[in-house]
Amino acid sequence: MRECQSYQPREMVCRDGFVQRPYCHGRAGCTACGHIAADALPGCLRNEIPEHLATDRGAPLFYRSEP
């Protein structure tokens, strides 16, 4: 598995404004079968962003615009 194109090493938040998880840098899932638990998925792969990680408009809470 490869790392996500938005992954930022040594940062807590990716370029898309989501909190990074091990999945983001290609290190996730069961070593035997590859299954990934739903709670281990980053916000960008969930159907809905958890309320505590979203603004009132539904955007990622930590979104940073790139210059």
N, C-alpha and C. Protein backbone atom coordinates (compact mmCIF):
# COMPACT_ATOMS: atom_id res chain seq x y z
N MET A 1 0.84 -1.18 0.00
CA MET A 1 0.00 0.00 0.00
C MET A 1 0.89 1.25 0.00
N ARG A 2 0.55 2.22 -0.83
CA ARG A 2 1.33 3.44 -0.92
C ARG A 2 0.70 4.53 -0.06
N GLU A 3 1.49 5.54 0.26
CA GLU A 3 0.96 6.65 1.04
C GLU A 3 0.07 7.53 0.18
N CYS A 4 -0.85 8.20 0.81
CA CYS A 4 -1.77 9.11 0.15
C CYS A 4 -1.01 10.31 -0.43
N GLN A 5 -1.49 10.86 -1.52
CA GLN A 5 -0.81 12.02 -2.13
C GLN A 5 -0.93 13.27 -1.27
N SER A 6 -1.87 13.30 -0.32
CA SER A 6 -2.04 14.46 0.56
C SER A 6 -1.31 14.31 1.89
N TYR A 7 -0.68 13.15 2.10
CA TYR A 7 0.05 12.88 3.34
C TYR A 7 1.21 13.85 3.52
N GLN A 8 1.38 14.35 4.74
CA GLN A 8 2.49 15.24 5.07
C GLN A 8 3.28 14.64 6.23
N PRO A 9 4.49 14.17 5.97
CA PRO A 9 5.29 13.61 7.06
C PRO A 9 5.50 14.64 8.18
N ARG A 10 5.53 14.15 9.39
CA ARG A 10 5.76 14.97 10.59
C ARG A 10 4.70 16.04 10.82
N GLU A 11 3.52 15.89 10.22
CA GLU A 11 2.41 16.82 10.44
C GLU A 11 1.24 16.05 11.02
N MET A 12 0.38 16.72 11.73
CA MET A 12 -0.81 16.08 12.30
C MET A 12 -1.97 16.08 11.30
N VAL A 13 -1.96 17.07 10.39
CA VAL A 13 -3.05 17.26 9.44
C VAL A 13 -2.51 17.14 8.02
N CYS A 14 -3.28 16.49 7.14
CA CYS A 14 -2.85 16.34 5.75
C CYS A 14 -3.13 17.62 4.96
N ARG A 15 -2.72 17.64 3.70
CA ARG A 15 -2.93 18.81 2.85
C ARG A 15 -4.41 19.11 2.61
N ASP A 16 -5.27 18.10 2.79
CA ASP A 16 -6.70 18.29 2.58
C ASP A 16 -7.43 18.69 3.86
N GLY A 17 -6.70 18.81 4.97
CA GLY A 17 -7.30 19.28 6.21
C GLY A 17 -7.83 18.22 7.14
N PHE A 18 -7.49 16.97 6.90
CA PHE A 18 -7.95 15.89 7.77
C PHE A 18 -6.83 15.44 8.70
N VAL A 19 -7.21 15.01 9.89
CA VAL A 19 -6.24 14.45 10.83
C VAL A 19 -5.70 13.16 10.21
N GLN A 20 -4.38 13.04 10.16
CA GLN A 20 -3.75 11.88 9.53
C GLN A 20 -3.81 10.66 10.44
N ARG A 21 -4.02 9.51 9.81
CA ARG A 21 -4.06 8.22 10.50
C ARG A 21 -2.99 7.33 9.88
N PRO A 22 -2.67 6.18 10.50
CA PRO A 22 -1.68 5.28 9.90
C PRO A 22 -2.04 4.90 8.46
N TYR A 23 -3.31 4.81 8.14
CA TYR A 23 -3.75 4.49 6.79
C TYR A 23 -3.17 5.46 5.76
N CYS A 24 -3.03 6.72 6.14
CA CYS A 24 -2.57 7.78 5.22
C CYS A 24 -1.15 7.55 4.70
N HIS A 25 -0.32 6.95 5.50
CA HIS A 25 1.04 6.71 5.04
C HIS A 25 1.30 5.24 4.72
N GLY A 26 0.22 4.52 4.43
CA GLY A 26 0.34 3.16 3.92
C GLY A 26 0.62 2.09 4.94
N ARG A 27 0.40 2.37 6.21
CA ARG A 27 0.66 1.38 7.25
C ARG A 27 -0.61 1.12 8.05
N ALA A 28 -1.50 0.36 7.45
CA ALA A 28 -2.76 0.09 8.14
C ALA A 28 -3.27 -1.29 7.75
N GLY A 29 -4.17 -1.77 8.56
CA GLY A 29 -4.82 -3.04 8.26
C GLY A 29 -4.16 -4.22 8.93
N CYS A 30 -4.91 -5.27 8.97
CA CYS A 30 -4.44 -6.53 9.55
C CYS A 30 -3.32 -7.09 8.69
N THR A 31 -2.25 -7.54 9.31
CA THR A 31 -1.12 -8.08 8.55
C THR A 31 -1.47 -9.42 7.89
N ALA A 32 -2.49 -10.10 8.41
CA ALA A 32 -2.86 -11.38 7.83
C ALA A 32 -3.85 -11.25 6.67
N CYS A 33 -4.89 -10.40 6.86
CA CYS A 33 -5.94 -10.33 5.85
C CYS A 33 -6.10 -8.97 5.19
N GLY A 34 -5.51 -7.92 5.79
CA GLY A 34 -5.61 -6.58 5.21
C GLY A 34 -6.83 -5.80 5.62
N HIS A 35 -7.69 -6.39 6.46
CA HIS A 35 -8.90 -5.69 6.91
C HIS A 35 -8.55 -4.43 7.68
N ILE A 36 -9.29 -3.36 7.42
CA ILE A 36 -9.09 -2.08 8.10
C ILE A 36 -10.36 -1.76 8.87
N ALA A 37 -10.24 -1.55 10.18
CA ALA A 37 -11.40 -1.21 11.01
C ALA A 37 -11.94 0.15 10.63
N ALA A 38 -13.25 0.32 10.70
CA ALA A 38 -13.90 1.58 10.32
C ALA A 38 -13.37 2.75 11.12
N ASP A 39 -13.05 2.55 12.39
CA ASP A 39 -12.57 3.66 13.21
C ASP A 39 -11.11 4.02 12.90
N ALA A 40 -10.44 3.23 12.08
CA ALA A 40 -9.06 3.53 11.69
C ALA A 40 -8.98 4.30 10.38
N LEU A 41 -10.11 4.44 9.70
CA LEU A 41 -10.11 5.19 8.43
C LEU A 41 -9.99 6.68 8.69
N PRO A 42 -9.24 7.37 7.84
CA PRO A 42 -9.16 8.83 7.97
C PRO A 42 -10.49 9.47 7.57
N GLY A 43 -10.72 10.71 7.99
CA GLY A 43 -11.97 11.40 7.71
C GLY A 43 -12.30 11.49 6.23
N CYS A 44 -11.30 11.56 5.38
CA CYS A 44 -11.54 11.70 3.93
C CYS A 44 -12.17 10.46 3.32
N LEU A 45 -12.07 9.30 3.97
CA LEU A 45 -12.64 8.08 3.44
C LEU A 45 -13.94 7.67 4.12
N ARG A 46 -14.41 8.48 5.02
CA ARG A 46 -15.68 8.20 5.69
C ARG A 46 -16.82 8.86 4.92
N ASN A 47 -18.01 8.31 5.05
CA ASN A 47 -19.17 8.90 4.38
C ASN A 47 -19.50 10.27 4.93
N GLU A 48 -19.28 10.46 6.22
CA GLU A 48 -19.52 11.75 6.85
C GLU A 48 -18.34 12.08 7.76
N ILE A 49 -17.99 13.35 7.80
CA ILE A 49 -16.93 13.79 8.70
C ILE A 49 -17.51 13.83 10.11
N PRO A 50 -16.83 13.25 11.10
CA PRO A 50 -17.35 13.31 12.47
C PRO A 50 -17.58 14.77 12.89
N GLU A 51 -18.66 15.01 13.62
CA GLU A 51 -19.04 16.37 14.01
C GLU A 51 -17.92 17.15 14.68
N HIS A 52 -17.16 16.49 15.53
CA HIS A 52 -16.11 17.19 16.26
C HIS A 52 -14.92 17.54 15.37
N LEU A 53 -14.89 17.04 14.13
CA LEU A 53 -13.80 17.35 13.20
C LEU A 53 -14.28 18.17 12.00
N ALA A 54 -15.50 18.74 12.09
CA ALA A 54 -16.04 19.50 10.97
C ALA A 54 -16.53 20.88 11.43
N THR A 55 -16.52 21.83 10.49
CA THR A 55 -17.07 23.15 10.76
C THR A 55 -18.59 23.08 10.63
N ASP A 56 -19.27 24.17 10.92
CA ASP A 56 -20.73 24.20 10.78
C ASP A 56 -21.18 23.94 9.35
N ARG A 57 -20.32 24.25 8.39
CA ARG A 57 -20.64 24.06 6.98
C ARG A 57 -20.28 22.67 6.48
N GLY A 58 -19.66 21.83 7.33
CA GLY A 58 -19.32 20.47 6.97
C GLY A 58 -17.93 20.28 6.41
N ALA A 59 -17.14 21.35 6.37
CA ALA A 59 -15.77 21.26 5.87
C ALA A 59 -14.85 20.72 6.97
N PRO A 60 -13.70 20.16 6.60
CA PRO A 60 -12.76 19.70 7.62
C PRO A 60 -12.36 20.85 8.54
N LEU A 61 -12.34 20.60 9.82
CA LEU A 61 -12.04 21.61 10.83
C LEU A 61 -10.67 22.23 10.66
N PHE A 62 -9.69 21.44 10.26
CA PHE A 62 -8.32 21.89 10.18
C PHE A 62 -7.89 22.28 8.77
N TYR A 63 -8.84 22.53 7.88
CA TYR A 63 -8.51 22.83 6.48
C TYR A 63 -7.57 24.02 6.39
N ARG A 64 -6.52 23.84 5.60
CA ARG A 64 -5.56 24.91 5.38
C ARG A 64 -5.44 25.12 3.87
N SER A 65 -5.59 26.33 3.41
CA SER A 65 -5.45 26.58 1.98
C SER A 65 -3.97 26.68 1.63
N GLU A 66 -3.61 26.06 0.53
CA GLU A 66 -2.22 26.08 0.05
C GLU A 66 -2.00 27.31 -0.79
N PRO A 67 -0.84 27.96 -0.70
CA PRO A 67 -0.57 29.12 -1.56
C PRO A 67 -0.36 28.73 -3.00
